[in-house]
Amino acid sequence: MGFGRSNLGIVILLVASVVLLGVGFHLLTPPFELQFATNAAGRLVQRLENMALLTIVIERAVEVYLGATGKNGPSRHDPTVNADNPPANGPASVAALTLGILLALSGVRVLSVLLEVNEPPPGGVQGWFWNGIDIILSGGMLAGGAFVFHEISEMATGGLANLGSMMSGQTAARQGGKTDEGKDSPSTVNSAATAKARSVIAVCNAIYDQNQYDNAAFAVRAAGGVGVALSGSADDIVSQITGGGGKWVPLNNAADAASKATAGWLVLAGLKGSEYVQPRPYGQVAIVTADIGSQGTFYPYGWWGSSGAQAGKAQPLSMAWGSGDIGSVHYAAYEF
């Protein structure tokens, strides 16, 4: 694919425009010189320290704004990330850059403390360019610093949550439910139920690669693999399993769901988008596959797809819903 004459013409036009603009500035506006300010290094370090504190304020302000407007997404480092709910990188970046530019307009700038302008002072077009570059550079640094601080805090909190989830899974495995490799412990189910329970896991495993990026489609195909009909979005599926019609049996809690799954029933967990602590346009469902703990102490394992975040392949349901939402999840079982 060639460069093309039209593209070459555009480049030549841009270069010529820049040259003419530079010549015009030189002829029509008085030049000014820049030099390093007295004690520039010390002043720069002090300004950067002040800006570092302001980046923390910006990061917290953006977090509050996103939470108040319902635009806040999950941490992509947190193992309890809501699958299908991508992080709010776009709105966060816009909000942080806006606050950074406003602070720069208020006088929190970098170049102004590093460089001084000799007489005559900057005016006209050159002055606009000088101040504009300082404002954009300073605002970008403030927004970028807020992003870095946010990433560090999410890595820390997500790492702690991941460690807690791993420890819960290992403890549950020692109690005799499900191993870390996602295999059923035969001692927790009778021989008749084992075949059905394993068939659900086998279907989930078979369809996972092709459907891991679509939450609703994964549940529909997994259910269809054992002869159970589901359809529609995640919200639709939650309505189908909780509506009281057909052979779906509502369950009281995660412990009941785990018990039915190990007994060879098809068990679904689900939550509508409107039922989240922070409501969202779509819900989420998961296939519950086996019991991993006793007396409801630990959440069962499950499989689910995700179009925006972390899919689940024989993972605890606490990795599909955060701590604020998992208590509201619906469970229902279907004897196939």
Foldseek 3Di string as FASTA:
>chain_A
DDCDPVNVVVVVVVVVVVVVVVVCCPVPPDDWDKDWDVVLVVLLVVLVVVLLVVLQVQLVVLVVVCLVVLNAADQQLALLHAFQTAGNPPSSLVSQLVVLLVVVVVPSWRVPSTMDIDPPDDDDPRNCVVSVVRSNVRSVVSSVSNVVVVNVVSNVVRVVNVVVQVVVLCVLVVQAKAHPVLDGRPVLEDPVQQVLLVQLLVQLVVCCVVFQQAFQVSVQSSCVSVPHHDDDFLQRRVCVLPVPDDQKAWDDAQQVQQSQLSSNWWKKKWDAQCQAPSRDHGIGMWTFRHDRHPPPPFGGFTFGHHNHHDTGRRGGCSSNHPPRRRVVIIMITGHD
